[in-house]
């Protein structure tokens, strides 16, 4: 059995052969839950997380409550402990679903909970009043007393005085409502400004979320990565599978779904996208693991990346994704995949 279950499409015979022939293949284990011993430091926050965060962007939107709880159960069963959501996901329904699960499973004290705020229709932006309301609303929906990692979403608010925002975060932290501070959508120069303010005693940004994967290399691979490295920021890249494209499940434009997601997937079914999928196929076949696991493993091999944020639509998707934490790609694998995405 592979780490965290059997890869889709991999036979027992191929698994055995791959384990014997490839030292970079996942470590065989017996039974689920071994992932509880796999933890990485989330930068300098003091938190230790499984190297893959379960994203909840689909909860309450494309995934109903029962399926969402099944996905969360499966993730924790394999040893996962980091859950990421946002007050703007499904208008807060994602947080409600997670809150119900935390209470029913008794996981409130065990899970490392990260929440992105700043994009909810009722409390948009990062102004002091809306920020306090957003945090209070998230705490209520989640049914917890503290958000472990609060991500400030600056995508809708690039003008609010950063000093005022950080002063508000300081008040929330002193009140025990917020643990560590993260950022989403803050430009590199704003992160530099935030570090200067931190040197004056304000809360320090310690984690950043930036969309990043094999086919979406920019803008992260630029000034943002340089700043992250210089400030020793932990990076938790979202869109790790690029809306499911890097799972290898979507290869035909005619068969992709309609709507926004279908359009996003069709946009990658071009010469470059197909080249990336072929490279992923080759590595996945060689190691006997799912394509999605290889995509996750590539991210984990990148400098400054601590734990990708990955959404799942079904419990079997979790089985594939979790294997990514147990795959060690060789230098030749990394070079091949990186070259395909250039």
C-alpha atoms as a PDB file:
ATOM      1  CA  UNK A   1       0.000   0.000   0.000  1.00  0.00           C
ATOM      2  CA  UNK A   2       1.230   3.475  -0.847  1.00  0.00           C
ATOM      3  CA  UNK A   3       1.541   6.310   1.596  1.00  0.00           C
ATOM      4  CA  UNK A   4      -2.018   7.459   2.319  1.00  0.00           C
ATOM      5  CA  UNK A   5      -3.686   4.779   0.193  1.00  0.00           C
ATOM      6  CA  UNK A   6      -3.462   3.459  -3.331  1.00  0.00           C
ATOM      7  CA  UNK A   7      -3.028   5.767  -6.273  1.00  0.00           C
ATOM      8  CA  UNK A   8      -5.784   5.875  -8.855  1.00  0.00           C
ATOM      9  CA  UNK A   9      -5.125   3.476 -11.667  1.00  0.00           C
ATOM     10  CA  UNK A  10      -2.128   1.855  -9.980  1.00  0.00           C
ATOM     11  CA  UNK A  11      -2.229  -1.901  -9.635  1.00  0.00           C
ATOM     12  CA  UNK A  12      -0.810  -3.742  -6.645  1.00  0.00           C
ATOM     13  CA  UNK A  13       1.844  -5.292  -8.881  1.00  0.00           C
ATOM     14  CA  UNK A  14       2.963  -1.932 -10.220  1.00  0.00           C
ATOM     15  CA  UNK A  15       2.984  -0.488  -6.702  1.00  0.00           C
ATOM     16  CA  UNK A  16       5.274  -3.284  -5.499  1.00  0.00           C
ATOM     17  CA  UNK A  17       7.609  -2.894  -8.444  1.00  0.00           C
ATOM     18  CA  UNK A  18       7.746   0.881  -8.117  1.00  0.00           C
ATOM     19  CA  UNK A  19       8.515   0.646  -4.417  1.00  0.00           C
ATOM     20  CA  UNK A  20      11.424  -1.707  -5.154  1.00  0.00           C
ATOM     21  CA  UNK A  21      12.816   0.157  -8.180  1.00  0.00           C
ATOM     22  CA  UNK A  22      12.408   3.783  -7.166  1.00  0.00           C
ATOM     23  CA  UNK A  23      13.801   5.042  -3.857  1.00  0.00           C
ATOM     24  CA  UNK A  24      11.864   8.283  -4.416  1.00  0.00           C
ATOM     25  CA  UNK A  25       8.540   6.449  -4.342  1.00  0.00           C
ATOM     26  CA  UNK A  26       6.292   6.982  -1.292  1.00  0.00           C
ATOM     27  CA  UNK A  27       7.103   5.008   1.838  1.00  0.00           C
ATOM     28  CA  UNK A  28       4.793   1.998   2.287  1.00  0.00           C
ATOM     29  CA  UNK A  29       2.693   2.052   5.455  1.00  0.00           C
ATOM     30  CA  UNK A  30       0.093  -0.116   7.131  1.00  0.00           C
ATOM     31  CA  UNK A  31      -3.222   1.539   7.897  1.00  0.00           C
ATOM     32  CA  UNK A  32      -4.361   5.161   7.731  1.00  0.00           C
ATOM     33  CA  UNK A  33      -3.467   7.854  10.217  1.00  0.00           C
ATOM     34  CA  UNK A  34       0.319   7.642   9.886  1.00  0.00           C
ATOM     35  CA  UNK A  35       0.220  11.200   8.565  1.00  0.00           C
ATOM     36  CA  UNK A  36      -0.258  12.372  12.142  1.00  0.00           C
ATOM     37  CA  UNK A  37       3.512  12.081  12.521  1.00  0.00           C
ATOM     38  CA  UNK A  38       4.151  14.193   9.421  1.00  0.00           C
ATOM     39  CA  UNK A  39       4.305  17.860  10.376  1.00  0.00           C
ATOM     40  CA  UNK A  40       6.167  20.863   9.040  1.00  0.00           C
ATOM     41  CA  UNK A  41       6.644  24.217  10.767  1.00  0.00           C
ATOM     42  CA  UNK A  42       4.424  26.920   9.329  1.00  0.00           C
ATOM     43  CA  UNK A  43       7.207  29.429   9.035  1.00  0.00           C
ATOM     44  CA  UNK A  44       7.799  31.210  12.318  1.00  0.00           C
ATOM     45  CA  UNK A  45       4.169  31.092  13.478  1.00  0.00           C
ATOM     46  CA  UNK A  46       4.784  28.362  16.039  1.00  0.00           C
ATOM     47  CA  UNK A  47       2.198  26.120  14.373  1.00  0.00           C
ATOM     48  CA  UNK A  48       3.050  22.750  12.864  1.00  0.00           C
ATOM     49  CA  UNK A  49       0.842  21.478  10.070  1.00  0.00           C
ATOM     50  CA  UNK A  50       0.509  18.597   7.711  1.00  0.00           C
ATOM     51  CA  UNK A  51       2.272  19.680   4.487  1.00  0.00           C
ATOM     52  CA  UNK A  52      -1.047  19.974   2.677  1.00  0.00           C
ATOM     53  CA  UNK A  53      -3.861  22.255   3.793  1.00  0.00           C
ATOM     54  CA  UNK A  54      -7.403  21.182   3.000  1.00  0.00           C
ATOM     55  CA  UNK A  55      -9.117  24.071   1.256  1.00  0.00           C
ATOM     56  CA  UNK A  56     -12.848  24.596   1.747  1.00  0.00           C
ATOM     57  CA  UNK A  57     -13.629  26.864  -1.191  1.00  0.00           C
ATOM     58  CA  UNK A  58     -16.089  24.340  -2.635  1.00  0.00           C
ATOM     59  CA  UNK A  59     -17.969  23.644   0.612  1.00  0.00           C
ATOM     60  CA  UNK A  60     -21.486  24.999   0.396  1.00  0.00           C
ATOM     61  CA  UNK A  61     -21.090  25.752  -3.294  1.00  0.00           C
ATOM     62  CA  UNK A  62     -20.259  22.704  -5.416  1.00  0.00           C
ATOM     63  CA  UNK A  63     -20.039  20.330  -2.436  1.00  0.00           C
ATOM     64  CA  UNK A  64     -22.955  19.763  -0.059  1.00  0.00           C
ATOM     65  CA  UNK A  65     -22.739  19.460   3.728  1.00  0.00           C
ATOM     66  CA  UNK A  66     -22.645  15.662   3.914  1.00  0.00           C
ATOM     67  CA  UNK A  67     -19.927  15.337   1.279  1.00  0.00           C
ATOM     68  CA  UNK A  68     -17.958  18.191   2.847  1.00  0.00           C
ATOM     69  CA  UNK A  69     -17.973  16.421   6.204  1.00  0.00           C
ATOM     70  CA  UNK A  70     -16.889  13.199   4.493  1.00  0.00           C
ATOM     71  CA  UNK A  71     -13.949  15.012   2.888  1.00  0.00           C
ATOM     72  CA  UNK A  72     -12.927  16.502   6.230  1.00  0.00           C
ATOM     73  CA  UNK A  73     -13.233  13.096   7.912  1.00  0.00           C
ATOM     74  CA  UNK A  74     -11.041  11.473   5.283  1.00  0.00           C
ATOM     75  CA  UNK A  75      -8.412  14.204   5.513  1.00  0.00           C
ATOM     76  CA  UNK A  76      -8.168  13.864   9.302  1.00  0.00           C
ATOM     77  CA  UNK A  77      -8.244  10.063   9.078  1.00  0.00           C
ATOM     78  CA  UNK A  78      -4.998  10.220   7.128  1.00  0.00           C
ATOM     79  CA  UNK A  79      -3.447  12.578   9.685  1.00  0.00           C
ATOM     80  CA  UNK A  80      -4.213  15.975   8.198  1.00  0.00           C
ATOM     81  CA  UNK A  81      -4.686  18.859  10.611  1.00  0.00           C
ATOM     82  CA  UNK A  82      -4.764  22.128   8.638  1.00  0.00           C
ATOM     83  CA  UNK A  83      -8.052  23.523   7.292  1.00  0.00           C
ATOM     84  CA  UNK A  84      -8.278  26.695   5.225  1.00  0.00           C
ATOM     85  CA  UNK A  85     -11.405  28.694   4.466  1.00  0.00           C
ATOM     86  CA  UNK A  86     -12.525  32.294   3.887  1.00  0.00           C
ATOM     87  CA  UNK A  87     -15.428  34.398   5.033  1.00  0.00           C
ATOM     88  CA  UNK A  88     -16.239  35.025   1.379  1.00  0.00           C
ATOM     89  CA  UNK A  89     -16.468  31.354   0.367  1.00  0.00           C
ATOM     90  CA  UNK A  90     -20.122  30.693  -0.465  1.00  0.00           C
ATOM     91  CA  UNK A  91     -21.078  33.792   1.510  1.00  0.00           C
ATOM     92  CA  UNK A  92     -19.954  32.194   4.768  1.00  0.00           C
ATOM     93  CA  UNK A  93     -21.579  28.781   4.222  1.00  0.00           C
ATOM     94  CA  UNK A  94     -18.154  27.156   4.035  1.00  0.00           C
ATOM     95  CA  UNK A  95     -17.420  28.364   7.567  1.00  0.00           C
ATOM     96  CA  UNK A  96     -20.804  27.153   8.806  1.00  0.00           C
ATOM     97  CA  UNK A  97     -20.106  23.673   7.412  1.00  0.00           C
ATOM     98  CA  UNK A  98     -16.654  23.537   8.994  1.00  0.00           C
ATOM     99  CA  UNK A  99     -18.058  24.795  12.287  1.00  0.00           C
ATOM    100  CA  UNK A 100     -20.666  22.030  12.358  1.00  0.00           C
ATOM    101  CA  UNK A 101     -17.957  19.463  11.617  1.00  0.00           C
ATOM    102  CA  UNK A 102     -15.597  20.816  14.298  1.00  0.00           C
ATOM    103  CA  UNK A 103     -18.314  20.543  16.941  1.00  0.00           C
ATOM    104  CA  UNK A 104     -19.634  17.128  15.904  1.00  0.00           C
ATOM    105  CA  UNK A 105     -16.155  15.574  15.658  1.00  0.00           C
ATOM    106  CA  UNK A 106     -14.567  17.318  18.624  1.00  0.00           C
ATOM    107  CA  UNK A 107     -11.783  18.723  16.445  1.00  0.00           C
ATOM    108  CA  UNK A 108     -11.865  22.361  17.558  1.00  0.00           C
ATOM    109  CA  UNK A 109      -8.703  22.026  19.651  1.00  0.00           C
ATOM    110  CA  UNK A 110      -6.802  19.783  17.245  1.00  0.00           C
ATOM    111  CA  UNK A 111      -7.227  21.511  13.895  1.00  0.00           C
ATOM    112  CA  UNK A 112      -5.004  24.373  12.759  1.00  0.00           C
ATOM    113  CA  UNK A 113      -7.636  26.704  11.344  1.00  0.00           C
ATOM    114  CA  UNK A 114      -6.771  29.439   8.862  1.00  0.00           C
ATOM    115  CA  UNK A 115      -9.288  31.975   7.584  1.00  0.00           C
ATOM    116  CA  UNK A 116      -8.990  34.594   4.880  1.00  0.00           C
ATOM    117  CA  UNK A 117     -11.014  37.775   5.473  1.00  0.00           C
ATOM    118  CA  UNK A 118     -11.594  40.906   3.447  1.00  0.00           C
ATOM    119  CA  UNK A 119     -13.831  39.709   0.614  1.00  0.00           C
ATOM    120  CA  UNK A 120     -17.170  39.080   2.348  1.00  0.00           C
ATOM    121  CA  UNK A 121     -19.942  41.218   0.867  1.00  0.00           C
ATOM    122  CA  UNK A 122     -21.040  42.433   4.317  1.00  0.00           C
ATOM    123  CA  UNK A 123     -17.531  43.350   5.513  1.00  0.00           C
ATOM    124  CA  UNK A 124     -15.389  44.135   2.474  1.00  0.00           C
ATOM    125  CA  UNK A 125     -11.860  45.437   2.724  1.00  0.00           C
ATOM    126  CA  UNK A 126      -9.363  45.749   5.531  1.00  0.00           C
ATOM    127  CA  UNK A 127     -10.573  48.869   7.298  1.00  0.00           C
ATOM    128  CA  UNK A 128     -10.611  48.598  11.086  1.00  0.00           C
ATOM    129  CA  UNK A 129     -14.398  48.368  11.533  1.00  0.00           C
ATOM    130  CA  UNK A 130     -14.948  45.836   8.760  1.00  0.00           C
ATOM    131  CA  UNK A 131     -11.934  43.801   9.849  1.00  0.00           C
ATOM    132  CA  UNK A 132     -13.258  43.416  13.394  1.00  0.00           C
ATOM    133  CA  UNK A 133     -16.724  42.554  12.087  1.00  0.00           C
ATOM    134  CA  UNK A 134     -15.268  40.032   9.650  1.00  0.00           C
ATOM    135  CA  UNK A 135     -13.268  38.247  12.342  1.00  0.00           C
ATOM    136  CA  UNK A 136     -16.216  38.204  14.763  1.00  0.00           C
ATOM    137  CA  UNK A 137     -18.465  36.843  12.004  1.00  0.00           C
ATOM    138  CA  UNK A 138     -15.989  34.078  11.151  1.00  0.00           C
ATOM    139  CA  UNK A 139     -15.568  33.108  14.798  1.00  0.00           C
ATOM    140  CA  UNK A 140     -19.337  32.873  15.192  1.00  0.00           C
ATOM    141  CA  UNK A 141     -19.851  30.769  12.070  1.00  0.00           C
ATOM    142  CA  UNK A 142     -16.950  28.472  12.933  1.00  0.00           C
ATOM    143  CA  UNK A 143     -17.958  28.223  16.581  1.00  0.00           C
ATOM    144  CA  UNK A 144     -14.410  28.754  17.830  1.00  0.00           C
ATOM    145  CA  UNK A 145     -12.739  31.325  20.070  1.00  0.00           C
ATOM    146  CA  UNK A 146      -9.624  31.865  17.959  1.00  0.00           C
ATOM    147  CA  UNK A 147      -8.534  31.854  14.333  1.00  0.00           C
ATOM    148  CA  UNK A 148      -5.086  30.271  14.278  1.00  0.00           C
ATOM    149  CA  UNK A 149      -3.886  32.006  11.102  1.00  0.00           C
ATOM    150  CA  UNK A 150      -5.715  35.091   9.849  1.00  0.00           C
ATOM    151  CA  UNK A 151      -5.032  35.914   6.195  1.00  0.00           C
ATOM    152  CA  UNK A 152      -5.667  39.533   5.211  1.00  0.00           C
ATOM    153  CA  UNK A 153      -7.195  39.546   1.721  1.00  0.00           C
ATOM    154  CA  UNK A 154      -6.057  42.723  -0.023  1.00  0.00           C
ATOM    155  CA  UNK A 155      -7.508  41.934  -3.449  1.00  0.00           C
ATOM    156  CA  UNK A 156     -10.467  44.268  -2.934  1.00  0.00           C
ATOM    157  CA  UNK A 157      -8.631  46.834  -0.827  1.00  0.00           C
ATOM    158  CA  UNK A 158      -5.291  48.256  -1.881  1.00  0.00           C
ATOM    159  CA  UNK A 159      -5.788  51.675  -0.301  1.00  0.00           C
ATOM    160  CA  UNK A 160      -6.497  51.129   3.422  1.00  0.00           C
ATOM    161  CA  UNK A 161      -3.699  52.394   5.622  1.00  0.00           C
ATOM    162  CA  UNK A 162      -1.645  49.311   6.484  1.00  0.00           C
ATOM    163  CA  UNK A 163      -0.673  50.704   9.875  1.00  0.00           C
ATOM    164  CA  UNK A 164      -4.347  50.975  10.863  1.00  0.00           C
ATOM    165  CA  UNK A 165      -4.982  47.412   9.689  1.00  0.00           C
ATOM    166  CA  UNK A 166      -2.056  46.010  11.648  1.00  0.00           C
ATOM    167  CA  UNK A 167      -3.068  47.987  14.746  1.00  0.00           C
ATOM    168  CA  UNK A 168      -6.501  46.345  14.508  1.00  0.00           C
ATOM    169  CA  UNK A 169      -4.903  42.917  14.145  1.00  0.00           C
ATOM    170  CA  UNK A 170      -2.838  43.681  17.251  1.00  0.00           C
ATOM    171  CA  UNK A 171      -6.028  44.398  19.207  1.00  0.00           C
ATOM    172  CA  UNK A 172      -7.619  41.175  17.929  1.00  0.00           C
ATOM    173  CA  UNK A 173      -4.491  39.232  18.847  1.00  0.00           C
ATOM    174  CA  UNK A 174      -4.336  40.712  22.338  1.00  0.00           C
ATOM    175  CA  UNK A 175      -8.001  39.754  22.755  1.00  0.00           C
ATOM    176  CA  UNK A 176      -7.119  36.144  21.949  1.00  0.00           C
ATOM    177  CA  UNK A 177      -9.155  36.085  18.747  1.00  0.00           C
ATOM    178  CA  UNK A 178      -6.243  35.741  16.298  1.00  0.00           C
ATOM    179  CA  UNK A 179      -3.027  33.722  16.445  1.00  0.00           C
ATOM    180  CA  UNK A 180      -0.613  34.270  13.565  1.00  0.00           C
ATOM    181  CA  UNK A 181      -0.965  36.726  10.672  1.00  0.00           C
ATOM    182  CA  UNK A 182      -0.950  35.929   6.975  1.00  0.00           C
ATOM    183  CA  UNK A 183      -1.612  37.864   3.799  1.00  0.00           C
ATOM    184  CA  UNK A 184      -3.235  37.278   0.435  1.00  0.00           C
ATOM    185  CA  UNK A 185      -2.928  39.688  -2.474  1.00  0.00           C
ATOM    186  CA  UNK A 186      -0.482  42.061  -0.762  1.00  0.00           C
ATOM    187  CA  UNK A 187       1.992  43.410  -3.308  1.00  0.00           C
ATOM    188  CA  UNK A 188       5.702  42.844  -2.559  1.00  0.00           C
ATOM    189  CA  UNK A 189       6.216  46.508  -1.703  1.00  0.00           C
ATOM    190  CA  UNK A 190       3.329  46.351   0.776  1.00  0.00           C
ATOM    191  CA  UNK A 191       4.900  43.293   2.399  1.00  0.00           C
ATOM    192  CA  UNK A 192       8.107  45.301   2.789  1.00  0.00           C
ATOM    193  CA  UNK A 193       6.078  48.110   4.343  1.00  0.00           C
ATOM    194  CA  UNK A 194       4.446  45.596   6.697  1.00  0.00           C
ATOM    195  CA  UNK A 195       7.873  44.333   7.800  1.00  0.00           C
ATOM    196  CA  UNK A 196       9.014  47.879   8.549  1.00  0.00           C
ATOM    197  CA  UNK A 197       5.900  48.394  10.676  1.00  0.00           C
ATOM    198  CA  UNK A 198       6.547  45.068  12.412  1.00  0.00           C
ATOM    199  CA  UNK A 199       9.965  46.331  13.445  1.00  0.00           C
ATOM    200  CA  UNK A 200       8.109  49.146  15.220  1.00  0.00           C
ATOM    201  CA  UNK A 201       6.079  46.651  17.220  1.00  0.00           C
ATOM    202  CA  UNK A 202       3.087  45.884  15.020  1.00  0.00           C
ATOM    203  CA  UNK A 203       2.069  42.262  14.279  1.00  0.00           C
ATOM    204  CA  UNK A 204       4.301  40.646  11.716  1.00  0.00           C
ATOM    205  CA  UNK A 205       3.053  38.961   8.557  1.00  0.00           C
ATOM    206  CA  UNK A 206       4.470  35.426   8.733  1.00  0.00           C
ATOM    207  CA  UNK A 207       2.552  33.543   6.034  1.00  0.00           C
ATOM    208  CA  UNK A 208       1.462  34.421   2.522  1.00  0.00           C
ATOM    209  CA  UNK A 209      -1.029  32.770   0.208  1.00  0.00           C
ATOM    210  CA  UNK A 210      -0.333  33.246  -3.487  1.00  0.00           C
ATOM    211  CA  UNK A 211      -1.858  31.372  -6.448  1.00  0.00           C
ATOM    212  CA  UNK A 212       0.982  29.183  -7.701  1.00  0.00           C
ATOM    213  CA  UNK A 213       1.357  25.895  -9.575  1.00  0.00           C
ATOM    214  CA  UNK A 214       3.039  24.304 -12.586  1.00  0.00           C
ATOM    215  CA  UNK A 215       0.992  26.284 -15.117  1.00  0.00           C
ATOM    216  CA  UNK A 216       0.587  29.463 -13.052  1.00  0.00           C
ATOM    217  CA  UNK A 217       4.169  30.433 -12.315  1.00  0.00           C
ATOM    218  CA  UNK A 218       3.766  34.202 -12.349  1.00  0.00           C
ATOM    219  CA  UNK A 219       3.497  36.550 -10.547  1.00  0.00           C
ATOM    220  CA  UNK A 220       4.840  34.485  -7.636  1.00  0.00           C
ATOM    221  CA  UNK A 221       8.127  33.621  -9.352  1.00  0.00           C
ATOM    222  CA  UNK A 222       9.311  37.195  -9.218  1.00  0.00           C
ATOM    223  CA  UNK A 223       9.543  39.869  -6.564  1.00  0.00           C
ATOM    224  CA  UNK A 224       6.995  38.075  -4.392  1.00  0.00           C
ATOM    225  CA  UNK A 225       9.188  34.999  -4.007  1.00  0.00           C
ATOM    226  CA  UNK A 226      12.237  37.169  -3.347  1.00  0.00           C
ATOM    227  CA  UNK A 227      10.408  39.009  -0.571  1.00  0.00           C
ATOM    228  CA  UNK A 228       9.082  35.745   0.873  1.00  0.00           C
ATOM    229  CA  UNK A 229      12.591  34.319   0.990  1.00  0.00           C
ATOM    230  CA  UNK A 230      14.151  37.472   2.427  1.00  0.00           C
ATOM    231  CA  UNK A 231      11.507  37.725   5.176  1.00  0.00           C
ATOM    232  CA  UNK A 232      11.413  33.981   5.869  1.00  0.00           C
ATOM    233  CA  UNK A 233       7.694  33.880   5.104  1.00  0.00           C
ATOM    234  CA  UNK A 234       5.935  30.533   4.859  1.00  0.00           C
ATOM    235  CA  UNK A 235       4.107  30.198   1.534  1.00  0.00           C
ATOM    236  CA  UNK A 236       0.820  28.296   1.359  1.00  0.00           C
ATOM    237  CA  UNK A 237       0.001  28.455  -2.359  1.00  0.00           C
ATOM    238  CA  UNK A 238      -3.645  28.304  -3.331  1.00  0.00           C
ATOM    239  CA  UNK A 239      -4.963  26.972  -6.661  1.00  0.00           C
ATOM    240  CA  UNK A 240      -2.394  24.192  -6.277  1.00  0.00           C
ATOM    241  CA  UNK A 241      -4.156  22.081  -8.933  1.00  0.00           C
ATOM    242  CA  UNK A 242      -5.356  25.038 -11.029  1.00  0.00           C
ATOM    243  CA  UNK A 243      -9.079  24.321 -10.654  1.00  0.00           C
ATOM    244  CA  UNK A 244      -8.457  20.591 -11.140  1.00  0.00           C
ATOM    245  CA  UNK A 245      -6.480  20.812 -14.378  1.00  0.00           C
ATOM    246  CA  UNK A 246      -3.280  19.509 -12.759  1.00  0.00           C
ATOM    247  CA  UNK A 247      -5.099  16.453 -11.440  1.00  0.00           C
ATOM    248  CA  UNK A 248      -5.036  15.133 -15.006  1.00  0.00           C
ATOM    249  CA  UNK A 249      -8.789  14.490 -14.986  1.00  0.00           C
ATOM    250  CA  UNK A 250      -9.642  17.080 -17.646  1.00  0.00           C
ATOM    251  CA  UNK A 251      -8.066  16.594 -21.063  1.00  0.00           C
ATOM    252  CA  UNK A 252     -10.841  17.137 -23.582  1.00  0.00           C
ATOM    253  CA  UNK A 253     -12.410  20.533 -24.249  1.00  0.00           C
ATOM    254  CA  UNK A 254     -15.628  18.927 -25.403  1.00  0.00           C
ATOM    255  CA  UNK A 255     -16.007  17.012 -22.131  1.00  0.00           C
ATOM    256  CA  UNK A 256     -15.247  19.851 -19.705  1.00  0.00           C
ATOM    257  CA  UNK A 257     -18.151  21.310 -17.793  1.00  0.00           C
ATOM    258  CA  UNK A 258     -19.817  24.568 -18.710  1.00  0.00           C
ATOM    259  CA  UNK A 259     -19.628  27.764 -16.734  1.00  0.00           C
ATOM    260  CA  UNK A 260     -16.684  29.588 -15.204  1.00  0.00           C
ATOM    261  CA  UNK A 261     -14.801  26.480 -14.109  1.00  0.00           C
ATOM    262  CA  UNK A 262     -15.183  24.843 -17.505  1.00  0.00           C
ATOM    263  CA  UNK A 263     -13.854  27.978 -19.164  1.00  0.00           C
ATOM    264  CA  UNK A 264     -10.867  27.997 -16.812  1.00  0.00           C
ATOM    265  CA  UNK A 265     -10.071  24.377 -17.633  1.00  0.00           C
ATOM    266  CA  UNK A 266     -10.459  24.866 -21.393  1.00  0.00           C
ATOM    267  CA  UNK A 267      -8.078  27.810 -21.187  1.00  0.00           C
ATOM    268  CA  UNK A 268      -5.270  25.429 -20.177  1.00  0.00           C
ATOM    269  CA  UNK A 269      -5.975  22.803 -22.827  1.00  0.00           C
ATOM    270  CA  UNK A 270      -3.425  24.303 -25.171  1.00  0.00           C
ATOM    271  CA  UNK A 271       0.057  23.302 -26.313  1.00  0.00           C
ATOM    272  CA  UNK A 272       1.724  24.309 -23.029  1.00  0.00           C
ATOM    273  CA  UNK A 273      -0.951  22.697 -20.861  1.00  0.00           C
ATOM    274  CA  UNK A 274      -0.802  19.404 -22.742  1.00  0.00           C
ATOM    275  CA  UNK A 275       2.992  19.446 -22.462  1.00  0.00           C
ATOM    276  CA  UNK A 276       2.709  19.802 -18.682  1.00  0.00           C
ATOM    277  CA  UNK A 277       0.185  16.964 -18.459  1.00  0.00           C
ATOM    278  CA  UNK A 278       2.448  14.670 -20.466  1.00  0.00           C
ATOM    279  CA  UNK A 279       5.364  15.409 -18.150  1.00  0.00           C
ATOM    280  CA  UNK A 280       3.159  14.740 -15.128  1.00  0.00           C
ATOM    281  CA  UNK A 281       1.933  11.499 -16.697  1.00  0.00           C
ATOM    282  CA  UNK A 282       5.484  10.293 -17.240  1.00  0.00           C
ATOM    283  CA  UNK A 283       6.582  10.966 -13.651  1.00  0.00           C
ATOM    284  CA  UNK A 284       3.346   9.582 -12.199  1.00  0.00           C
ATOM    285  CA  UNK A 285       3.713   6.403 -14.233  1.00  0.00           C
ATOM    286  CA  UNK A 286       7.337   5.988 -13.198  1.00  0.00           C
ATOM    287  CA  UNK A 287       6.574   6.417  -9.478  1.00  0.00           C
ATOM    288  CA  UNK A 288       3.203   4.660  -9.520  1.00  0.00           C
ATOM    289  CA  UNK A 289       1.271   7.576  -7.987  1.00  0.00           C
ATOM    290  CA  UNK A 290      -1.619   9.778  -9.189  1.00  0.00           C
ATOM    291  CA  UNK A 291      -0.952  12.822 -11.347  1.00  0.00           C
ATOM    292  CA  UNK A 292      -2.402  15.075  -8.629  1.00  0.00           C
ATOM    293  CA  UNK A 293       0.164  13.756  -6.137  1.00  0.00           C
ATOM    294  CA  UNK A 294       3.026  14.656  -8.492  1.00  0.00           C
ATOM    295  CA  UNK A 295       1.632  18.185  -8.911  1.00  0.00           C
ATOM    296  CA  UNK A 296       1.566  18.592  -5.132  1.00  0.00           C
ATOM    297  CA  UNK A 297       5.051  17.121  -4.766  1.00  0.00           C
ATOM    298  CA  UNK A 298       6.440  19.655  -7.285  1.00  0.00           C
ATOM    299  CA  UNK A 299       5.035  22.503  -5.199  1.00  0.00           C
ATOM    300  CA  UNK A 300       6.428  21.077  -1.962  1.00  0.00           C
ATOM    301  CA  UNK A 301       9.880  20.943  -3.573  1.00  0.00           C
ATOM    302  CA  UNK A 302       9.831  24.689  -4.263  1.00  0.00           C
ATOM    303  CA  UNK A 303      11.760  27.010  -1.995  1.00  0.00           C
ATOM    304  CA  UNK A 304       9.654  28.764   0.692  1.00  0.00           C
ATOM    305  CA  UNK A 305       6.563  26.569   0.073  1.00  0.00           C
ATOM    306  CA  UNK A 306       5.337  25.074   3.350  1.00  0.00           C
ATOM    307  CA  UNK A 307       1.916  23.608   2.590  1.00  0.00           C
ATOM    308  CA  UNK A 308      -0.182  23.996  -0.575  1.00  0.00           C
ATOM    309  CA  UNK A 309      -3.899  24.699  -0.150  1.00  0.00           C
ATOM    310  CA  UNK A 310      -5.881  22.117  -2.118  1.00  0.00           C
ATOM    311  CA  UNK A 311      -9.641  21.838  -2.580  1.00  0.00           C
ATOM    312  CA  UNK A 312     -11.387  18.489  -2.967  1.00  0.00           C
ATOM    313  CA  UNK A 313     -14.775  17.583  -4.412  1.00  0.00           C
ATOM    314  CA  UNK A 314     -14.979  13.999  -3.132  1.00  0.00           C
ATOM    315  CA  UNK A 315     -13.358  11.724  -0.566  1.00  0.00           C
ATOM    316  CA  UNK A 316     -11.464   9.756  -3.206  1.00  0.00           C
ATOM    317  CA  UNK A 317      -9.797  13.007  -4.284  1.00  0.00           C
ATOM    318  CA  UNK A 318      -8.359  13.284  -0.766  1.00  0.00           C
ATOM    319  CA  UNK A 319      -6.797   9.823  -1.135  1.00  0.00           C
ATOM    320  CA  UNK A 320      -4.919  10.996  -4.225  1.00  0.00           C
ATOM    321  CA  UNK A 321      -3.906  14.390  -2.880  1.00  0.00           C
ATOM    322  CA  UNK A 322      -2.503  13.147   0.406  1.00  0.00           C
ATOM    323  CA  UNK A 323      -0.007  10.976  -1.450  1.00  0.00           C
ATOM    324  CA  UNK A 324       1.720  14.141  -2.612  1.00  0.00           C
ATOM    325  CA  UNK A 325       3.222  14.576   0.845  1.00  0.00           C
ATOM    326  CA  UNK A 326       4.991  11.227   0.503  1.00  0.00           C
ATOM    327  CA  UNK A 327       6.495  11.696  -2.955  1.00  0.00           C
ATOM    328  CA  UNK A 328      10.124  12.808  -3.246  1.00  0.00           C
ATOM    329  CA  UNK A 329      10.885  13.939  -6.775  1.00  0.00           C
ATOM    330  CA  UNK A 330      14.405  13.503  -8.100  1.00  0.00           C
ATOM    331  CA  UNK A 331      16.315  16.405  -9.581  1.00  0.00           C
ATOM    332  CA  UNK A 332      15.636  15.099 -13.062  1.00  0.00           C
ATOM    333  CA  UNK A 333      11.899  14.871 -12.299  1.00  0.00           C
ATOM    334  CA  UNK A 334      11.835  18.438 -11.012  1.00  0.00           C
ATOM    335  CA  UNK A 335      13.791  19.725 -13.989  1.00  0.00           C
ATOM    336  CA  UNK A 336      11.525  17.907 -16.438  1.00  0.00           C
ATOM    337  CA  UNK A 337       8.350  19.237 -14.848  1.00  0.00           C
ATOM    338  CA  UNK A 338       9.670  22.757 -14.507  1.00  0.00           C
ATOM    339  CA  UNK A 339      10.848  22.794 -18.117  1.00  0.00           C
ATOM    340  CA  UNK A 340       7.444  21.623 -19.319  1.00  0.00           C
ATOM    341  CA  UNK A 341       5.765  24.523 -17.530  1.00  0.00           C
ATOM    342  CA  UNK A 342       8.121  27.189 -18.886  1.00  0.00           C
END
